[in-house]
Amino acid sequence: MKYPFEVLKPAERYRGRIQLDMERCIGCGVCSFICPNRAITIVEEDGRRYPQLDFGRCCFCGFCVEYCPRAALKHTEEYEISAYTKEELIYGPKRLAEPPKPFERRVVTVKGLDSKLGPGHGEVS
């Protein structure tokens, strides 16, 4: 693979970004209690309690998904989680509930490829 020019579709059981189903969540806090990295905190949103996840601390172990009594958390195939600041990696309940970006095979063309430096050192479109 020549990432990011080619992307690999993850396996069916891949543990990517975690998604919250706000309708199923009862705000019990089991996910927060079981998280080994303390990446999950419980916050109040619209009068209800929901998990907030810090992906900067998350190790994608899947304990929160496995132990959720209402199956309100699930893994998605999304694996490109990046940010410029640590604060941007904290997903509140509404952002955590957003559906994952659909997996699509990207085609990236490089204009003005530098033959000495190789791919990625030209103009990307």
Protein backbone atom coordinates (compact mmCIF):
# COMPACT_ATOMS: atom_id res chain seq x y z
CA MET A 1 0.00 0.00 0.00
CA LYS A 2 1.13 3.50 -0.77
CA TYR A 3 -0.92 5.32 1.86
CA PRO A 4 -2.49 7.92 1.47
CA PHE A 5 -2.55 7.38 -2.28
CA GLU A 6 -4.11 3.97 -1.73
CA VAL A 7 -6.27 3.05 1.24
CA LEU A 8 -7.03 -0.34 2.64
CA LYS A 9 -10.59 -1.31 3.51
CA PRO A 10 -10.53 -2.54 7.12
CA ALA A 11 -11.54 -6.06 8.11
CA GLU A 12 -15.14 -6.70 9.16
CA ARG A 13 -14.27 -6.81 12.87
CA TYR A 14 -11.91 -3.80 12.78
CA ARG A 15 -12.04 -1.59 15.88
CA GLY A 16 -12.15 1.93 14.47
CA ARG A 17 -13.81 5.13 15.69
CA ILE A 18 -16.50 4.53 18.28
CA GLN A 19 -20.04 5.68 17.53
CA LEU A 20 -22.75 6.42 20.10
CA ASP A 21 -26.45 5.65 19.68
CA MET A 22 -28.00 8.41 21.80
CA GLU A 23 -31.42 6.72 21.78
CA ARG A 24 -30.08 3.53 23.34
CA CYS A 25 -27.73 5.17 25.86
CA ILE A 26 -29.05 5.31 29.43
CA GLY A 27 -26.10 7.25 30.85
CA CYS A 28 -25.15 4.51 33.32
CA GLY A 29 -21.41 5.25 33.13
CA VAL A 30 -20.23 1.65 32.72
CA CYS A 31 -18.15 2.70 29.71
CA SER A 32 -16.43 5.38 31.78
CA PHE A 33 -15.77 2.98 34.64
CA ILE A 34 -14.35 0.19 32.46
CA CYS A 35 -12.08 2.38 30.26
CA PRO A 36 -8.43 1.56 31.15
CA ASN A 37 -7.14 4.92 29.87
CA ARG A 38 -9.90 7.04 31.40
CA ALA A 39 -10.71 8.36 27.93
CA ILE A 40 -14.46 8.42 28.62
CA THR A 41 -16.20 10.88 30.89
CA ILE A 42 -19.93 11.28 31.45
CA VAL A 43 -21.35 14.69 30.57
CA GLU A 44 -24.82 16.17 30.59
CA GLU A 45 -26.40 17.03 27.25
CA ASP A 46 -30.02 18.18 26.83
CA GLY A 47 -30.88 17.06 30.37
CA ARG A 48 -29.50 13.53 29.92
CA ARG A 49 -26.16 11.89 30.69
CA TYR A 50 -23.99 10.67 27.81
CA PRO A 51 -20.36 9.59 27.32
CA GLN A 52 -17.77 11.98 25.98
CA LEU A 53 -14.70 10.33 24.45
CA ASP A 54 -11.17 11.67 24.18
CA PHE A 55 -9.65 9.90 21.16
CA GLY A 56 -6.24 11.26 22.16
CA ARG A 57 -6.34 8.90 25.15
CA CYS A 58 -8.35 6.02 23.61
CA CYS A 59 -6.43 2.80 22.89
CA PHE A 60 -9.37 1.25 20.94
CA CYS A 61 -9.45 -1.76 23.25
CA GLY A 62 -13.21 -2.12 22.81
CA PHE A 63 -14.07 -2.58 26.50
CA CYS A 64 -16.63 0.25 26.37
CA VAL A 65 -18.36 -1.39 23.40
CA GLU A 66 -18.24 -4.84 24.97
CA TYR A 67 -19.51 -3.85 28.41
CA CYS A 68 -22.24 -1.36 27.39
CA PRO A 69 -25.45 -2.92 28.76
CA ARG A 70 -27.62 -1.36 26.05
CA ALA A 71 -25.21 -1.77 23.10
CA ALA A 72 -25.24 2.00 22.63
CA LEU A 73 -21.59 2.06 21.56
CA LYS A 74 -20.15 0.36 18.49
CA HIS A 75 -16.97 0.38 16.45
CA THR A 76 -16.98 1.78 12.93
CA GLU A 77 -14.57 1.29 10.02
CA GLU A 78 -13.38 4.88 10.27
CA TYR A 79 -9.68 5.03 11.17
CA GLU A 80 -8.50 8.43 10.00
CA ILE A 81 -8.93 10.41 13.20
CA SER A 82 -6.59 13.36 13.28
CA ALA A 83 -6.60 16.91 14.62
CA TYR A 84 -4.36 19.91 15.02
CA THR A 85 -5.05 20.28 18.74
CA LYS A 86 -5.78 17.85 21.57
CA GLU A 87 -9.10 19.56 22.23
CA GLU A 88 -10.32 18.62 18.74
CA LEU A 89 -9.90 14.93 19.63
CA ILE A 90 -12.50 15.19 22.40
CA TYR A 91 -15.81 14.03 20.94
CA GLY A 92 -18.89 15.20 22.80
CA PRO A 93 -22.08 13.12 22.67
CA LYS A 94 -23.47 14.73 19.51
CA ARG A 95 -20.19 14.45 17.61
CA LEU A 96 -19.74 10.89 18.88
CA ALA A 97 -23.21 10.04 17.53
CA GLU A 98 -22.41 11.24 14.00
CA PRO A 99 -22.43 8.43 11.44
CA PRO A 100 -19.01 7.38 10.15
CA LYS A 101 -17.72 8.76 6.91
CA PRO A 102 -18.47 6.25 4.16
CA PHE A 103 -15.45 4.22 3.11
CA GLU A 104 -14.40 5.16 -0.36
CA ARG A 105 -11.38 4.29 -2.38
CA ARG A 106 -9.58 7.56 -2.91
CA VAL A 107 -7.72 8.47 -6.05
CA VAL A 108 -5.07 11.09 -5.42
CA THR A 109 -3.10 12.49 -8.31
CA VAL A 110 0.23 14.20 -7.81
CA LYS A 111 1.14 16.97 -10.23
CA GLY A 112 4.73 18.05 -10.70
CA LEU A 113 6.17 14.93 -9.08
CA ASP A 114 9.76 15.49 -8.01
CA SER A 115 11.78 12.52 -9.33
CA LYS A 116 14.48 12.89 -6.64
CA LEU A 117 12.17 13.28 -3.62
CA GLY A 118 9.49 10.83 -4.77
CA PRO A 119 5.73 10.75 -4.26
CA GLY A 120 4.15 13.36 -2.06
CA HIS A 121 6.60 16.12 -2.94
CA GLY A 122 4.59 17.62 -5.70
CA GLU A 123 1.28 19.42 -5.92
CA VAL A 124 -1.58 17.24 -4.68
CA SER A 125 -5.10 17.57 -6.05
